[in-house]
């Protein structure tokens, strides 16, 4: 699906609003986009009103990420407790909210859930530990819904929105579905056209995590043979990744049992090197690993390779 952007401009956009259009990065490399203009409220959750329900109302927001980051968290703001529209108890209810992080075509990249306690009254609801790499100038679409809102609990709340549409780097989406499974599908999500969501996105710049820039981006993924090989007790393992990716690099024994996880995090495009120390193991036995054949495997979103290494004591 092609996502169009509002091309309007207005004298009402202040310098503060302009700052909110793109992410801000502080000296520690922490990245943030916080759009907290809250001049309207939108229906979110179930709807048990005669003539309107039952329906399952979810909301979304597309956001332009202007630099390469590890996406850490995303939040929507809600104005009231989660309760039945026609039968408010005054105490609220515990609910589970699902968030799908989608690419610009609506394909799901990551799914996260958060439990909102019955004591909730108003404020930000945050999905944390998303931890996925995002390329610079990527458009992400965040869609959220209340689990069981159609066919189970019918709880509803009011989502905070910006009726003046000061955020010009994305769009507000809504969907009226008929089940949780339906809310997972991209079909049916449509542009609202009149509002933006109040949202809060945080991340960490990839250059801060890696600490260096490669001279140029490699044109392929590769895993090199370790050196030296045979080794005792340390050896170096180099690999290259073509674009920012979540990388796992693990060592296994001859029977396929995992010995150690060397890497399990997002990495920026370029060449990387790690050192494997056969004596430095969390579950170390006396003297470390025994002599023998071991294997190391590199895996990214679209690349897997395994090579053999030999430890000689």
Protein backbone atom coordinates (compact mmCIF):
# COMPACT_ATOMS: atom_id res chain seq x y z
CA UNK A 1 0.00 0.00 0.00
CA UNK A 2 1.37 3.43 -0.93
CA UNK A 3 1.33 5.84 1.99
CA UNK A 4 0.74 9.45 1.03
CA UNK A 5 1.75 12.34 3.29
CA UNK A 6 -0.07 15.51 4.06
CA UNK A 7 1.62 18.22 2.05
CA UNK A 8 -0.11 21.14 3.75
CA UNK A 9 1.74 23.86 5.64
CA UNK A 10 0.35 26.27 8.17
CA UNK A 11 1.47 29.37 10.01
CA UNK A 12 0.15 27.76 13.19
CA UNK A 13 3.05 25.28 13.27
CA UNK A 14 5.39 26.64 15.89
CA UNK A 15 9.08 25.98 16.30
CA UNK A 16 8.20 23.40 18.95
CA UNK A 17 5.89 21.55 16.59
CA UNK A 18 8.57 21.50 13.90
CA UNK A 19 10.95 19.85 16.34
CA UNK A 20 8.39 17.11 16.95
CA UNK A 21 8.28 16.14 13.27
CA UNK A 22 11.65 14.40 13.39
CA UNK A 23 13.52 12.52 16.06
CA UNK A 24 15.77 14.25 18.54
CA UNK A 25 19.08 12.66 19.61
CA UNK A 26 20.91 13.66 22.78
CA UNK A 27 24.63 13.44 23.50
CA UNK A 28 24.29 9.82 24.69
CA UNK A 29 22.72 8.74 21.41
CA UNK A 30 19.21 8.31 22.82
CA UNK A 31 16.61 8.97 20.12
CA UNK A 32 13.11 10.28 20.78
CA UNK A 33 9.99 11.47 18.96
CA UNK A 34 7.30 12.68 21.34
CA UNK A 35 4.11 14.15 19.90
CA UNK A 36 2.03 15.08 22.94
CA UNK A 37 -0.50 17.52 21.53
CA UNK A 38 -3.80 16.22 23.00
CA UNK A 39 -6.76 18.24 21.76
CA UNK A 40 -9.17 15.41 20.91
CA UNK A 41 -10.25 11.96 22.02
CA UNK A 42 -10.92 8.93 19.85
CA UNK A 43 -12.81 5.70 20.54
CA UNK A 44 -10.54 2.75 21.36
CA UNK A 45 -11.51 -0.81 22.30
CA UNK A 46 -14.95 -2.41 22.29
CA UNK A 47 -18.30 -0.80 21.61
CA UNK A 48 -21.40 -2.31 23.24
CA UNK A 49 -23.82 0.51 22.35
CA UNK A 50 -27.04 -0.55 20.60
CA UNK A 51 -26.92 0.55 17.01
CA UNK A 52 -23.13 1.00 17.03
CA UNK A 53 -21.70 -2.26 18.32
CA UNK A 54 -20.45 -4.73 18.63
CA UNK A 55 -17.29 -3.47 17.04
CA UNK A 56 -13.54 -3.69 17.67
CA UNK A 57 -11.89 -0.27 17.29
CA UNK A 58 -8.12 -0.05 17.00
CA UNK A 59 -5.84 2.83 16.14
CA UNK A 60 -2.47 3.37 14.51
CA UNK A 61 0.08 5.96 13.56
CA UNK A 62 2.75 6.02 10.88
CA UNK A 63 6.06 7.59 11.89
CA UNK A 64 9.10 8.56 9.84
CA UNK A 65 12.42 7.50 11.45
CA UNK A 66 15.08 9.85 10.11
CA UNK A 67 18.21 8.07 11.35
CA UNK A 68 19.33 4.48 11.89
CA UNK A 69 18.25 3.32 15.36
CA UNK A 70 17.44 0.39 17.57
CA UNK A 71 13.75 0.93 18.27
CA UNK A 72 13.27 0.53 22.02
CA UNK A 73 9.71 1.51 22.88
CA UNK A 74 6.49 3.01 21.60
CA UNK A 75 3.56 4.50 23.54
CA UNK A 76 0.03 5.79 22.96
CA UNK A 77 -1.71 8.11 25.42
CA UNK A 78 -5.18 7.28 26.79
CA UNK A 79 -7.52 9.72 28.50
CA UNK A 80 -9.63 7.43 30.69
CA UNK A 81 -9.83 4.03 32.38
CA UNK A 82 -10.85 0.89 30.48
CA UNK A 83 -14.51 0.23 31.28
CA UNK A 84 -17.90 -0.61 29.78
CA UNK A 85 -19.47 2.40 28.11
CA UNK A 86 -22.97 1.70 29.48
CA UNK A 87 -21.93 0.09 32.74
CA UNK A 88 -19.05 2.03 34.31
CA UNK A 89 -17.98 0.57 37.61
CA UNK A 90 -15.77 3.47 38.60
CA UNK A 91 -12.77 1.20 39.14
CA UNK A 92 -11.59 0.30 35.66
CA UNK A 93 -10.50 -3.12 34.40
CA UNK A 94 -7.23 -4.87 33.66
CA UNK A 95 -6.77 -5.24 29.90
CA UNK A 96 -4.14 -6.48 27.46
CA UNK A 97 -3.18 -4.29 24.52
CA UNK A 98 -1.36 -5.66 21.48
CA UNK A 99 0.95 -3.54 19.33
CA UNK A 100 2.06 -4.48 15.82
CA UNK A 101 5.04 -2.67 14.33
CA UNK A 102 4.56 -2.69 10.54
CA UNK A 103 6.55 -1.60 7.52
CA UNK A 104 5.17 0.94 5.04
CA UNK A 105 3.22 -1.80 3.24
CA UNK A 106 1.56 -2.99 6.46
CA UNK A 107 3.61 -6.18 6.94
CA UNK A 108 4.21 -6.99 10.63
CA UNK A 109 7.85 -6.65 11.73
CA UNK A 110 7.31 -7.09 15.47
CA UNK A 111 4.46 -7.81 17.89
CA UNK A 112 4.38 -6.80 21.54
CA UNK A 113 1.82 -6.97 24.36
CA UNK A 114 1.35 -4.96 27.53
CA UNK A 115 -0.98 -5.52 30.47
CA UNK A 116 -2.67 -2.34 31.72
CA UNK A 117 -3.73 -2.69 35.39
CA UNK A 118 -7.25 -1.98 36.65
CA UNK A 119 -5.85 1.00 38.57
CA UNK A 120 -5.08 2.86 35.33
CA UNK A 121 -6.85 6.21 35.03
CA UNK A 122 -5.03 8.19 32.35
CA UNK A 123 -1.54 8.43 30.85
CA UNK A 124 0.93 6.77 28.52
CA UNK A 125 0.71 3.05 27.81
CA UNK A 126 4.15 1.89 26.69
CA UNK A 127 5.27 -1.21 24.81
CA UNK A 128 8.94 -1.60 25.77
CA UNK A 129 11.78 -3.94 24.80
CA UNK A 130 10.86 -3.83 21.11
CA UNK A 131 14.58 -3.87 20.24
CA UNK A 132 14.51 -4.04 16.44
CA UNK A 133 16.93 -2.26 14.05
CA UNK A 134 15.44 0.46 11.85
CA UNK A 135 17.13 1.97 8.80
CA UNK A 136 17.33 5.74 8.36
CA UNK A 137 14.32 7.30 6.59
CA UNK A 138 12.14 4.25 7.29
CA UNK A 139 8.39 4.61 7.61
CA UNK A 140 6.92 2.46 10.36
CA UNK A 141 3.22 2.01 11.13
CA UNK A 142 2.24 1.24 14.73
CA UNK A 143 -1.21 -0.34 15.12
CA UNK A 144 -2.75 -1.24 18.49
CA UNK A 145 -5.90 -2.93 19.70
CA UNK A 146 -7.49 -4.17 22.93
CA UNK A 147 -7.45 -7.98 23.14
CA UNK A 148 -10.98 -9.39 23.28
CA UNK A 149 -12.68 -6.05 22.68
CA UNK A 150 -15.20 -7.44 20.21
CA UNK A 151 -16.21 -10.86 21.45
CA UNK A 152 -15.12 -10.99 25.07
CA UNK A 153 -15.05 -7.92 27.32
CA UNK A 154 -16.20 -4.89 25.28
CA UNK A 155 -14.09 -2.53 27.40
CA UNK A 156 -13.46 0.88 25.92
CA UNK A 157 -11.43 4.03 26.55
CA UNK A 158 -10.62 7.36 24.92
CA UNK A 159 -7.34 7.70 23.05
CA UNK A 160 -5.61 11.09 23.08
CA UNK A 161 -5.30 12.69 19.63
CA UNK A 162 -4.15 15.89 17.96
CA UNK A 163 -7.03 17.50 16.05
CA UNK A 164 -4.74 20.16 14.49
CA UNK A 165 -2.47 17.56 12.82
CA UNK A 166 0.80 19.21 13.80
CA UNK A 167 2.79 16.01 13.15
CA UNK A 168 3.39 16.13 9.39
CA UNK A 169 5.71 13.12 9.00
CA UNK A 170 3.00 10.47 9.34
CA UNK A 171 -0.69 9.66 9.38
CA UNK A 172 -3.36 8.46 11.82
CA UNK A 173 -4.98 5.07 11.08
CA UNK A 174 -8.14 3.43 12.42
CA UNK A 175 -9.86 0.08 11.99
CA UNK A 176 -13.22 -1.34 13.04
CA UNK A 177 -12.69 -5.10 13.13
CA UNK A 178 -14.67 -8.14 14.12
CA UNK A 179 -12.08 -10.19 16.08
CA UNK A 180 -8.55 -10.14 17.42
CA UNK A 181 -7.47 -12.14 14.38
CA UNK A 182 -9.00 -9.53 12.12
CA UNK A 183 -7.11 -6.73 13.88
CA UNK A 184 -3.84 -8.51 13.08
CA UNK A 185 -4.58 -8.25 9.35
CA UNK A 186 -3.54 -5.12 7.46
CA UNK A 187 -6.72 -5.08 5.41
CA UNK A 188 -9.25 -2.65 6.84
CA UNK A 189 -6.79 -0.22 8.38
CA UNK A 190 -7.56 3.15 6.82
CA UNK A 191 -6.37 6.74 7.11
CA UNK A 192 -8.37 8.89 9.53
CA UNK A 193 -7.43 12.05 7.65
CA UNK A 194 -8.35 14.57 10.35
CA UNK A 195 -6.23 13.76 13.39
CA UNK A 196 -2.88 12.45 14.57
CA UNK A 197 -2.28 10.19 17.54
CA UNK A 198 -0.48 11.36 20.64
CA UNK A 199 2.53 9.05 20.61
CA UNK A 200 5.98 8.66 22.12
CA UNK A 201 8.79 6.73 20.43
CA UNK A 202 12.25 6.04 21.86
CA UNK A 203 15.34 4.37 20.49
CA UNK A 204 19.10 4.32 20.46
CA UNK A 205 21.22 5.33 17.49
CA UNK A 206 23.04 2.41 15.92
CA UNK A 207 26.27 4.38 15.63
CA UNK A 208 26.28 4.75 19.42
CA UNK A 209 25.95 1.00 19.99
CA UNK A 210 28.65 0.03 17.53
CA UNK A 211 30.98 2.92 18.30
CA UNK A 212 32.40 3.24 14.77
CA UNK A 213 31.41 3.75 11.12
CA UNK A 214 32.50 1.32 8.38
CA UNK A 215 34.31 2.95 5.46
CA UNK A 216 31.71 1.58 3.09
CA UNK A 217 28.74 -0.78 3.20
CA UNK A 218 29.55 -4.36 2.13
CA UNK A 219 27.59 -5.74 -0.79
CA UNK A 220 27.01 -9.13 0.80
CA UNK A 221 26.65 -11.11 4.03
CA UNK A 222 29.58 -13.35 4.90
CA UNK A 223 31.08 -15.38 7.73
CA UNK A 224 34.86 -15.86 7.64
CA UNK A 225 36.88 -18.80 8.87
CA UNK A 226 38.16 -18.20 12.40
CA UNK A 227 41.85 -17.37 12.89
CA UNK A 228 43.93 -18.98 14.18
CA UNK A 229 42.52 -22.44 13.55
CA UNK A 230 43.37 -24.74 15.31
CA UNK A 231 43.45 -22.49 18.38
CA UNK A 232 44.16 -22.53 22.13
CA UNK A 233 42.47 -20.90 23.96
CA UNK A 234 41.36 -17.88 21.85
CA UNK A 235 40.45 -17.30 18.22
CA UNK A 236 38.96 -14.42 16.24
CA UNK A 237 35.77 -14.63 14.18
CA UNK A 238 34.94 -12.00 11.55
CA UNK A 239 31.66 -11.48 9.73
CA UNK A 240 30.08 -8.91 7.40
CA UNK A 241 26.47 -7.78 7.17
CA UNK A 242 25.02 -5.84 4.27
CA UNK A 243 22.52 -3.78 6.27
CA UNK A 244 21.52 -3.16 9.86
CA UNK A 245 20.25 -6.42 11.29
CA UNK A 246 19.66 -8.40 14.44
CA UNK A 247 22.61 -10.78 14.60
CA UNK A 248 23.15 -13.99 16.55
CA UNK A 249 26.51 -15.76 16.61
CA UNK A 250 26.63 -18.99 18.59
CA UNK A 251 29.14 -21.77 19.22
CA UNK A 252 28.06 -25.43 19.39
CA UNK A 253 29.83 -28.66 20.30
CA UNK A 254 30.08 -31.68 18.00
CA UNK A 255 26.71 -33.01 19.25
CA UNK A 256 24.91 -29.75 18.46
CA UNK A 257 24.67 -28.50 22.05
CA UNK A 258 25.04 -24.76 22.44
CA UNK A 259 28.31 -23.80 24.13
CA UNK A 260 28.14 -20.03 24.08
CA UNK A 261 26.24 -17.09 22.55
CA UNK A 262 28.81 -14.63 21.24
CA UNK A 263 26.41 -12.03 19.77
CA UNK A 264 22.68 -11.53 20.22
CA UNK A 265 21.82 -7.94 19.35
CA UNK A 266 21.35 -5.46 16.50
CA UNK A 267 24.41 -4.51 14.48
CA UNK A 268 24.98 -1.81 11.90
CA UNK A 269 26.07 -2.67 8.34
CA UNK A 270 29.79 -3.40 7.98
CA UNK A 271 32.53 -5.75 9.14
CA UNK A 272 32.60 -6.98 12.74
CA UNK A 273 34.93 -9.14 14.80
CA UNK A 274 34.52 -11.09 18.04
CA UNK A 275 36.97 -13.17 20.07
CA UNK A 276 36.06 -16.63 21.30
CA UNK A 277 37.83 -17.71 24.48
CA UNK A 278 37.48 -21.41 25.25
CA UNK A 279 38.32 -20.72 28.91
CA UNK A 280 35.81 -17.90 29.40
CA UNK A 281 32.47 -19.67 29.68
CA UNK A 282 29.50 -19.07 31.97
CA UNK A 283 29.22 -22.80 32.68
CA UNK A 284 32.92 -23.34 32.83
CA UNK A 285 34.31 -26.68 33.90
CA UNK A 286 37.82 -27.05 35.26
CA UNK A 287 40.17 -26.09 32.47
CA UNK A 288 37.45 -24.81 30.15
CA UNK A 289 36.36 -26.62 27.01
CA UNK A 290 37.98 -29.89 26.05
CA UNK A 291 39.91 -30.36 22.83
CA UNK A 292 37.76 -31.19 19.87
CA UNK A 293 35.71 -29.98 16.92
CA UNK A 294 33.21 -27.17 17.45
CA UNK A 295 30.93 -25.19 15.16
CA UNK A 296 29.98 -21.51 15.02
CA UNK A 297 26.83 -20.23 13.32
CA UNK A 298 25.94 -16.71 12.19
CA UNK A 299 22.25 -15.88 11.66
CA UNK A 300 20.50 -12.65 10.60
CA UNK A 301 17.01 -11.96 9.24
CA UNK A 302 18.03 -13.24 5.80
CA UNK A 303 21.37 -15.03 6.15
CA UNK A 304 22.65 -18.18 7.89
CA UNK A 305 26.11 -19.74 7.70
CA UNK A 306 28.01 -22.29 9.81
CA UNK A 307 31.73 -23.03 9.98
CA UNK A 308 33.93 -25.45 11.91
CA UNK A 309 36.69 -24.63 14.39
CA UNK A 310 39.21 -26.90 16.14
CA UNK A 311 40.40 -26.52 19.73
CA UNK A 312 43.72 -28.23 20.57
CA UNK A 313 44.83 -28.20 24.19
